[in-house]
N, C-alpha and C. Protein backbone atom coordinates (compact mmCIF):
# COMPACT_ATOMS: atom_id res chain seq x y z
N MET A 1 50.20 -14.00 17.17
CA MET A 1 49.53 -13.90 16.65
C MET A 1 49.50 -12.46 15.64
N SER A 2 48.36 -12.93 14.57
CA SER A 2 48.20 -11.52 13.97
C SER A 2 47.82 -10.49 14.24
N GLU A 3 48.14 -9.50 13.66
CA GLU A 3 46.95 -8.29 14.13
C GLU A 3 46.18 -7.87 13.16
N GLN A 4 44.85 -7.82 13.31
CA GLN A 4 43.42 -6.99 12.50
C GLN A 4 43.75 -5.63 12.33
N VAL A 5 43.90 -5.56 11.16
CA VAL A 5 43.84 -3.85 10.71
C VAL A 5 42.00 -4.15 10.38
N PRO A 6 41.52 -3.14 10.89
CA PRO A 6 40.18 -2.74 10.43
C PRO A 6 40.16 -1.42 8.78
N PHE A 7 39.18 -2.48 7.76
CA PHE A 7 39.14 -0.85 6.07
C PHE A 7 39.03 -0.04 6.98
N SER A 8 39.60 1.16 6.24
CA SER A 8 38.77 2.13 6.66
C SER A 8 37.40 2.12 6.10
N ALA A 9 36.97 3.68 5.72
CA ALA A 9 35.60 3.69 5.39
C ALA A 9 35.38 3.78 3.79
N SER A 10 36.52 4.17 3.58
CA SER A 10 36.73 4.31 2.16
C SER A 10 36.92 3.21 0.99
N GLU A 11 38.26 2.14 1.82
CA GLU A 11 37.76 0.66 1.32
C GLU A 11 36.68 -0.67 1.45
N GLN A 12 35.64 0.22 2.44
CA GLN A 12 34.76 -0.31 3.41
C GLN A 12 33.91 -0.39 1.65
N THR A 13 33.22 0.80 1.23
CA THR A 13 32.24 1.55 -0.07
C THR A 13 32.79 1.16 -0.88
N SER A 14 34.32 0.81 -1.63
CA SER A 14 34.63 0.53 -2.54
C SER A 14 34.75 -0.54 -2.47
N ALA A 15 35.05 -1.55 -1.58
CA ALA A 15 34.97 -3.10 -1.59
C ALA A 15 33.16 -4.03 -2.31
N ASP A 16 32.50 -2.93 -1.87
CA ASP A 16 31.42 -3.03 -1.93
C ASP A 16 30.57 -2.83 -3.24
N PRO A 17 30.22 -3.66 -4.62
CA PRO A 17 29.72 -3.67 -5.64
C PRO A 17 28.16 -2.64 -5.56
N ARG A 18 27.24 -2.99 -4.36
CA ARG A 18 26.46 -2.69 -4.19
C ARG A 18 26.58 -0.71 -4.76
N ARG A 19 27.67 -0.43 -3.83
CA ARG A 19 27.88 0.85 -3.77
C ARG A 19 28.50 1.40 -4.87
N SER A 20 28.79 1.08 -5.63
CA SER A 20 29.79 1.28 -6.91
C SER A 20 28.93 1.83 -8.39
N THR A 21 28.58 2.78 -8.72
CA THR A 21 27.69 3.57 -9.53
C THR A 21 28.14 2.32 -11.21
N ASP A 22 28.78 1.92 -11.49
CA ASP A 22 29.42 1.77 -12.38
C ASP A 22 29.56 -0.36 -12.50
N ALA A 23 28.74 -0.91 -11.53
CA ALA A 23 29.48 -2.49 -11.37
C ALA A 23 28.10 -2.94 -11.63
N PRO A 24 28.29 -4.15 -12.16
CA PRO A 24 27.12 -4.64 -13.12
C PRO A 24 25.92 -5.21 -11.68
N VAL A 25 24.49 -5.47 -12.32
CA VAL A 25 23.77 -5.39 -11.89
C VAL A 25 23.94 -7.11 -11.36
N GLU A 26 24.14 -7.37 -9.88
CA GLU A 26 24.08 -8.41 -9.31
C GLU A 26 23.12 -9.37 -9.79
N GLN A 27 23.08 -10.96 -9.63
CA GLN A 27 21.52 -11.32 -9.69
C GLN A 27 20.73 -11.42 -7.82
N GLY A 28 19.69 -11.41 -7.79
CA GLY A 28 19.17 -11.34 -6.48
C GLY A 28 19.48 -10.20 -5.84
N ILE A 29 20.35 -8.77 -6.37
CA ILE A 29 19.92 -7.90 -6.41
C ILE A 29 18.76 -6.89 -7.16
N ASN A 30 17.48 -6.59 -6.77
CA ASN A 30 16.69 -5.84 -6.69
C ASN A 30 16.77 -4.65 -8.35
N PRO A 31 16.41 -5.45 -9.57
CA PRO A 31 16.83 -4.67 -10.76
C PRO A 31 16.23 -3.45 -10.25
N GLN A 32 14.88 -3.01 -9.97
CA GLN A 32 14.37 -1.45 -9.73
C GLN A 32 15.25 -0.41 -9.17
N LYS A 33 15.99 -0.98 -8.41
CA LYS A 33 17.05 0.01 -7.72
C LYS A 33 18.32 0.65 -8.66
N HIS A 34 18.40 0.42 -10.00
CA HIS A 34 19.08 0.65 -10.67
C HIS A 34 18.48 0.93 -12.02
N ARG A 35 17.11 1.78 -12.25
CA ARG A 35 16.47 2.21 -13.10
C ARG A 35 16.10 3.57 -12.70
N ASN A 36 16.39 4.64 -13.93
CA ASN A 36 16.38 6.01 -13.84
C ASN A 36 14.95 6.63 -14.55
N GLY A 37 14.25 7.56 -14.50
CA GLY A 37 13.68 8.13 -15.24
C GLY A 37 12.48 7.37 -15.74
N LEU A 38 12.36 7.82 -16.68
CA LEU A 38 10.76 6.98 -17.34
C LEU A 38 10.60 5.74 -17.46
N SER A 39 11.96 4.99 -17.26
CA SER A 39 12.37 3.56 -17.08
C SER A 39 11.59 3.15 -15.42
N ARG A 40 12.27 4.34 -14.53
CA ARG A 40 11.71 3.22 -13.27
C ARG A 40 9.86 3.74 -13.10
N VAL A 41 9.73 4.63 -13.84
CA VAL A 41 7.90 4.84 -13.70
C VAL A 41 7.24 3.76 -14.59
N TRP A 42 7.85 3.75 -15.48
CA TRP A 42 6.94 2.46 -16.72
C TRP A 42 7.01 1.19 -15.66
N HIS A 43 8.12 0.86 -15.34
CA HIS A 43 8.41 -0.16 -14.62
C HIS A 43 7.92 -0.17 -12.78
N ALA A 44 7.24 0.68 -12.18
CA ALA A 44 6.99 1.29 -11.11
C ALA A 44 5.47 0.70 -11.17
N THR A 45 5.24 1.24 -12.92
CA THR A 45 3.39 1.60 -12.97
C THR A 45 2.99 -0.50 -13.05
N GLY A 46 3.50 -0.42 -13.64
CA GLY A 46 3.57 -2.49 -13.75
C GLY A 46 3.81 -2.49 -12.57
N TYR A 47 4.37 -2.52 -11.81
CA TYR A 47 4.75 -3.20 -9.91
C TYR A 47 2.74 -2.65 -9.53
N SER A 48 2.44 -2.17 -9.52
CA SER A 48 1.49 -1.15 -9.19
C SER A 48 0.40 -2.50 -9.70
N LEU A 49 0.14 -2.88 -10.98
CA LEU A 49 -0.82 -2.19 -11.63
C LEU A 49 -1.11 -4.52 -11.34
N ALA A 50 0.30 -5.19 -10.66
CA ALA A 50 0.44 -6.35 -10.24
C ALA A 50 -0.08 -6.34 -8.90
N GLY A 51 -0.12 -5.07 -8.04
CA GLY A 51 -0.75 -5.35 -6.98
C GLY A 51 -1.97 -5.05 -7.30
N LEU A 52 -2.08 -4.83 -7.68
CA LEU A 52 -4.11 -4.33 -7.79
C LEU A 52 -5.07 -5.60 -8.47
N ARG A 53 -4.18 -6.41 -9.52
CA ARG A 53 -4.58 -7.46 -9.53
C ARG A 53 -4.36 -8.47 -8.56
N ALA A 54 -3.10 -8.99 -8.29
CA ALA A 54 -3.37 -9.46 -7.00
C ALA A 54 -3.97 -8.71 -5.24
N GLY A 55 -4.79 -7.70 -5.13
CA GLY A 55 -5.55 -7.26 -4.86
C GLY A 55 -6.75 -7.94 -5.02
N TRP A 56 -6.90 -8.41 -6.07
CA TRP A 56 -8.44 -8.53 -7.11
C TRP A 56 -9.46 -9.95 -6.18
N HIS A 57 -7.68 -11.04 -6.05
CA HIS A 57 -7.88 -12.17 -5.46
C HIS A 57 -8.43 -11.83 -4.24
N GLU A 58 -8.98 -11.54 -2.93
CA GLU A 58 -9.48 -10.95 -2.08
C GLU A 58 -10.73 -10.14 -2.41
N ALA A 59 -11.18 -11.76 -1.52
CA ALA A 59 -12.77 -11.22 -1.57
C ALA A 59 -13.04 -9.51 -0.99
N ALA A 60 -12.59 -9.81 0.16
CA ALA A 60 -13.33 -8.17 0.70
C ALA A 60 -12.17 -6.53 -0.35
N PHE A 61 -11.51 -6.88 -0.85
CA PHE A 61 -10.74 -6.13 -1.94
C PHE A 61 -11.96 -6.17 -2.96
N ARG A 62 -12.06 -7.19 -3.88
CA ARG A 62 -12.95 -7.13 -4.54
C ARG A 62 -15.05 -6.81 -4.68
N GLN A 63 -15.33 -6.62 -2.67
CA GLN A 63 -15.71 -5.91 -2.63
C GLN A 63 -15.94 -4.08 -3.03
N GLU A 64 -15.06 -4.34 -2.03
CA GLU A 64 -14.67 -2.42 -2.26
C GLU A 64 -14.44 -1.71 -3.64
N ALA A 65 -14.17 -2.62 -4.45
CA ALA A 65 -13.81 -2.12 -5.32
C ALA A 65 -15.46 -1.70 -5.94
N LEU A 66 -16.12 -2.92 -6.34
CA LEU A 66 -17.60 -2.96 -6.93
C LEU A 66 -18.13 -1.96 -6.08
N ALA A 67 -17.59 -1.66 -4.77
CA ALA A 67 -18.92 -1.09 -4.69
C ALA A 67 -18.05 0.87 -4.39
N SER A 68 -16.98 0.90 -5.05
CA SER A 68 -16.14 2.37 -5.78
C SER A 68 -17.20 2.36 -7.01
N VAL A 69 -17.01 1.40 -7.39
CA VAL A 69 -18.10 1.93 -8.79
C VAL A 69 -19.10 2.73 -9.10
N VAL A 70 -19.97 2.55 -7.50
CA VAL A 70 -21.09 3.12 -7.54
C VAL A 70 -20.90 3.65 -7.03
N LEU A 71 -20.36 3.91 -5.19
CA LEU A 71 -20.14 5.38 -4.74
C LEU A 71 -19.27 6.67 -5.29
N VAL A 72 -18.34 6.18 -6.04
CA VAL A 72 -17.37 7.38 -6.17
C VAL A 72 -18.61 8.17 -7.58
N PRO A 73 -19.06 7.73 -8.30
CA PRO A 73 -19.61 8.10 -8.67
C PRO A 73 -20.67 9.54 -8.24
N ALA A 74 -21.59 8.19 -7.83
CA ALA A 74 -22.16 9.29 -6.65
C ALA A 74 -22.11 10.24 -5.80
N ALA A 75 -20.28 10.35 -5.38
CA ALA A 75 -20.24 11.58 -4.88
C ALA A 75 -20.40 12.80 -5.65
N PHE A 76 -19.85 12.32 -7.12
CA PHE A 76 -20.63 13.77 -8.31
C PHE A 76 -21.87 14.40 -7.81
N TRP A 77 -22.49 12.66 -7.71
CA TRP A 77 -24.60 13.63 -7.43
C TRP A 77 -24.65 14.15 -6.33
N LEU A 78 -24.12 13.60 -5.57
CA LEU A 78 -24.55 13.79 -3.43
C LEU A 78 -23.39 15.06 -3.39
N GLY A 79 -22.36 15.68 -3.54
CA GLY A 79 -21.60 16.57 -3.44
C GLY A 79 -21.80 18.07 -3.51
N SER A 80 -22.49 18.99 -2.58
CA SER A 80 -22.44 20.17 -3.61
C SER A 80 -21.54 21.01 -4.08
N ASN A 81 -20.05 20.77 -2.99
CA ASN A 81 -18.74 21.32 -4.24
C ASN A 81 -17.93 20.56 -4.06
N TRP A 82 -16.71 20.86 -4.82
CA TRP A 82 -15.75 20.03 -5.02
C TRP A 82 -14.76 19.91 -3.53
N VAL A 83 -15.13 19.76 -2.92
CA VAL A 83 -14.30 19.83 -1.24
C VAL A 83 -15.59 18.34 -0.86
N GLU A 84 -17.18 18.88 -0.75
CA GLU A 84 -17.77 17.51 -0.48
C GLU A 84 -18.03 16.24 -0.89
N ILE A 85 -17.13 16.85 -3.10
CA ILE A 85 -16.84 15.68 -3.37
C ILE A 85 -15.83 14.54 -3.24
N ILE A 86 -14.84 15.95 -2.80
CA ILE A 86 -13.37 14.65 -2.47
C ILE A 86 -13.48 13.84 -1.49
N LEU A 87 -13.99 14.88 0.01
CA LEU A 87 -14.63 13.37 0.78
C LEU A 87 -15.08 12.61 0.27
N LEU A 88 -15.54 12.58 -0.14
CA LEU A 88 -16.95 11.35 -0.41
C LEU A 88 -15.94 10.20 -1.48
N ALA A 89 -15.58 10.94 -2.12
CA ALA A 89 -14.70 9.73 -3.10
C ALA A 89 -13.11 9.10 -2.26
N GLY A 90 -12.74 9.98 -1.66
CA GLY A 90 -11.79 10.42 -1.07
C GLY A 90 -11.83 8.85 -0.28
N THR A 91 -12.64 9.03 0.75
CA THR A 91 -13.41 7.63 1.90
C THR A 91 -13.59 6.46 1.05
N VAL A 92 -14.26 6.79 0.35
CA VAL A 92 -14.41 5.21 -0.52
C VAL A 92 -13.22 4.72 -1.16
N ILE A 93 -12.29 5.16 -1.65
CA ILE A 93 -10.70 5.01 -1.88
C ILE A 93 -10.18 4.40 -0.93
N LEU A 94 -9.46 5.52 0.08
CA LEU A 94 -9.55 5.50 1.24
C LEU A 94 -9.79 3.74 2.25
N ILE A 95 -10.68 3.29 1.94
CA ILE A 95 -10.94 1.84 2.29
C ILE A 95 -10.17 0.63 1.41
N MET A 96 -10.27 1.32 0.14
CA MET A 96 -9.18 0.35 -0.56
C MET A 96 -8.06 0.56 -0.63
N ILE A 97 -7.19 1.92 -0.34
CA ILE A 97 -6.01 1.81 0.08
C ILE A 97 -5.51 0.75 0.92
N VAL A 98 -6.36 1.05 1.95
CA VAL A 98 -6.15 0.70 3.77
C VAL A 98 -6.02 -0.81 3.53
N GLU A 99 -7.07 -1.14 2.69
CA GLU A 99 -7.70 -3.06 2.32
C GLU A 99 -5.98 -3.33 1.83
N LEU A 100 -5.77 -2.73 0.70
CA LEU A 100 -4.40 -3.43 -0.03
C LEU A 100 -2.69 -3.99 1.11
N LEU A 101 -3.01 -2.49 2.36
CA LEU A 101 -2.14 -2.69 3.00
C LEU A 101 -2.36 -4.12 4.27
N ASN A 102 -3.48 -3.57 4.17
CA ASN A 102 -3.85 -4.97 5.64
C ASN A 102 -3.87 -6.06 4.16
N THR A 103 -3.56 -6.29 3.35
CA THR A 103 -3.69 -7.79 3.13
C THR A 103 -2.10 -7.50 2.59
N ALA A 104 -1.31 -6.94 2.39
CA ALA A 104 -0.26 -6.74 2.42
C ALA A 104 0.86 -7.08 4.11
N ILE A 105 0.51 -7.02 4.48
CA ILE A 105 0.61 -7.27 5.93
C ILE A 105 0.61 -8.55 6.44
N GLU A 106 -1.08 -9.07 5.77
CA GLU A 106 -1.42 -10.23 5.89
C GLU A 106 0.11 -11.46 5.48
N THR A 107 -0.10 -11.36 4.14
CA THR A 107 0.63 -12.22 3.09
C THR A 107 2.23 -12.18 4.26
N THR A 108 2.69 -11.24 4.43
CA THR A 108 4.02 -11.12 4.82
C THR A 108 3.91 -12.14 5.79
N ILE A 109 2.79 -11.84 7.07
CA ILE A 109 2.70 -12.50 8.17
C ILE A 109 2.92 -14.15 6.99
N ASP A 110 1.96 -14.17 6.96
CA ASP A 110 1.63 -15.88 5.78
C ASP A 110 3.24 -16.11 5.69
N ARG A 111 3.81 -15.26 5.16
CA ARG A 111 4.87 -15.98 4.43
C ARG A 111 6.63 -15.93 5.82
N ILE A 112 6.04 -15.63 6.32
CA ILE A 112 6.83 -16.14 7.50
C ILE A 112 7.11 -17.33 8.27
N GLY A 113 5.49 -17.56 7.96
CA GLY A 113 5.23 -18.70 8.74
C GLY A 113 4.32 -19.44 9.19
N PRO A 114 3.27 -20.13 9.05
CA PRO A 114 2.00 -20.72 9.50
C PRO A 114 2.01 -20.67 11.23
N GLU A 115 3.18 -21.21 11.53
CA GLU A 115 2.68 -21.18 12.85
C GLU A 115 2.39 -20.37 13.44
N TRP A 116 1.00 -20.73 15.00
CA TRP A 116 0.58 -18.90 15.80
C TRP A 116 1.46 -18.53 16.29
N HIS A 117 1.53 -16.91 16.53
CA HIS A 117 2.96 -16.31 16.83
C HIS A 117 2.12 -15.49 17.76
N GLU A 118 2.06 -14.81 18.79
CA GLU A 118 1.24 -13.36 19.66
C GLU A 118 1.32 -11.82 18.36
N LEU A 119 2.72 -12.29 18.22
CA LEU A 119 3.35 -11.08 17.05
C LEU A 119 2.29 -10.75 16.16
N SER A 120 2.56 -12.08 15.42
CA SER A 120 1.73 -12.50 14.01
C SER A 120 0.28 -11.63 13.51
N LYS A 121 0.09 -12.21 15.17
CA LYS A 121 -1.88 -12.57 15.52
C LYS A 121 -1.86 -10.47 16.01
N ARG A 122 -1.52 -10.00 16.75
CA ARG A 122 -1.22 -8.23 16.93
C ARG A 122 -1.26 -7.76 15.72
N ALA A 123 -0.45 -8.04 14.47
CA ALA A 123 0.21 -8.04 13.23
C ALA A 123 -1.94 -7.08 12.31
N LYS A 124 -2.17 -8.53 12.05
CA LYS A 124 -3.17 -9.00 11.42
C LYS A 124 -3.98 -8.24 12.13
N ASP A 125 -4.43 -7.86 13.12
CA ASP A 125 -5.61 -7.48 14.29
C ASP A 125 -5.93 -5.81 14.30
N MET A 126 -4.75 -5.64 13.91
CA MET A 126 -3.87 -3.89 13.79
C MET A 126 -4.68 -3.27 12.47
N GLY A 127 -3.95 -4.41 11.23
CA GLY A 127 -4.25 -4.41 10.05
C GLY A 127 -5.73 -4.37 9.56
N SER A 128 -6.61 -5.27 10.47
CA SER A 128 -8.11 -5.57 10.74
C SER A 128 -8.56 -3.56 11.04
N ALA A 129 -8.08 -3.70 11.97
CA ALA A 129 -8.90 -2.39 13.06
C ALA A 129 -8.74 -1.13 12.12
N ALA A 130 -7.26 -0.86 11.55
CA ALA A 130 -7.29 0.19 10.42
C ALA A 130 -8.32 0.01 9.40
N VAL A 131 -8.17 -1.05 8.83
CA VAL A 131 -9.74 -1.10 7.59
C VAL A 131 -11.15 -1.00 8.25
N LEU A 132 -10.85 -1.85 9.29
CA LEU A 132 -12.45 -0.83 10.57
C LEU A 132 -12.58 0.60 10.56
N LEU A 133 -11.84 1.21 11.01
CA LEU A 133 -12.05 2.70 11.50
C LEU A 133 -11.91 3.65 9.70
N SER A 134 -11.32 3.08 8.36
CA SER A 134 -10.85 3.64 7.48
C SER A 134 -13.20 3.56 6.59
N LEU A 135 -13.62 2.03 7.55
CA LEU A 135 -14.92 1.97 7.32
C LEU A 135 -15.92 2.42 7.98
N LEU A 136 -16.09 2.94 9.05
CA LEU A 136 -16.39 3.84 10.04
C LEU A 136 -16.25 5.38 9.82
N LEU A 137 -14.85 5.97 9.00
CA LEU A 137 -15.26 6.50 8.63
C LEU A 137 -15.70 7.17 7.33
N CYS A 138 -15.63 6.25 6.43
CA CYS A 138 -16.73 6.48 5.15
C CYS A 138 -18.25 6.50 5.46
N ALA A 139 -18.34 5.89 6.18
CA ALA A 139 -19.78 5.47 6.44
C ALA A 139 -20.21 6.98 7.59
N GLY A 140 -19.78 7.85 8.36
CA GLY A 140 -19.75 8.91 8.60
C GLY A 140 -20.17 10.20 7.34
N THR A 141 -19.06 9.84 7.28
CA THR A 141 -18.95 10.97 5.87
C THR A 141 -19.96 10.93 5.35
N TRP A 142 -20.36 9.82 4.47
CA TRP A 142 -21.45 9.91 3.61
C TRP A 142 -23.31 10.00 4.26
N ALA A 143 -23.66 9.57 5.65
CA ALA A 143 -24.12 9.84 6.34
C ALA A 143 -24.23 10.75 6.48
N MET A 144 -23.69 12.16 7.07
CA MET A 144 -23.49 13.39 6.95
C MET A 144 -23.99 14.11 6.05
N ALA A 145 -22.94 13.84 4.97
CA ALA A 145 -23.13 14.17 3.78
C ALA A 145 -24.91 14.20 3.34
N LEU A 146 -25.53 12.35 3.21
CA LEU A 146 -26.93 12.35 3.09
C LEU A 146 -27.88 12.62 3.76
N PHE A 147 -27.40 12.92 5.22
CA PHE A 147 -28.54 14.04 6.21
C PHE A 147 -28.57 15.65 5.33
N GLN A 148 -27.55 15.78 5.52
CA GLN A 148 -27.49 17.16 4.56
C GLN A 148 -27.70 17.61 3.62
N ARG A 149 -27.67 16.89 2.69
CA ARG A 149 -29.32 16.64 1.34
C ARG A 149 -30.07 16.94 1.58
N PHE A 150 -30.61 15.48 2.57
CA PHE A 150 -31.91 15.14 2.63
C PHE A 150 -32.46 15.37 3.66
N ALA A 151 -32.15 16.04 5.12
CA ALA A 151 -32.69 15.79 6.18
C ALA A 151 -32.59 17.13 6.55
N ALA A 152 -31.89 18.24 6.26
CA ALA A 152 -31.65 19.50 6.52
C ALA A 152 -31.72 20.45 6.03
């Protein structure tokens, strides 16, 4: 019977082409991982814009984006100082951020499989709850700002 000798840590590192700095990019490995500097920023910006375009296909994100076109400029009118403006506009933008994350969770769960599973349901429900909490935060912030401006 032959005895197996484990590789040392240095042999494992050099045998793994993904860890080598001069190894060519393998097929299936994300090329973004090998970009540096402005090239990385440029490509990351493209991926972010693709994410916004993908989010636009969701009805909820479209509604929130269109509401933000009205609410973000209204924050400059309603807020009496820069902190209030940031809070009002920030809560509107936060809704869109949370909606994109919720959509990413739902898309990932759907990619895994169409069958019903308790953990899939739980993940989707938690994403939906996060959207609800961001909507409540936004509504409360705007309600208090409106109250302060017109009723106080």
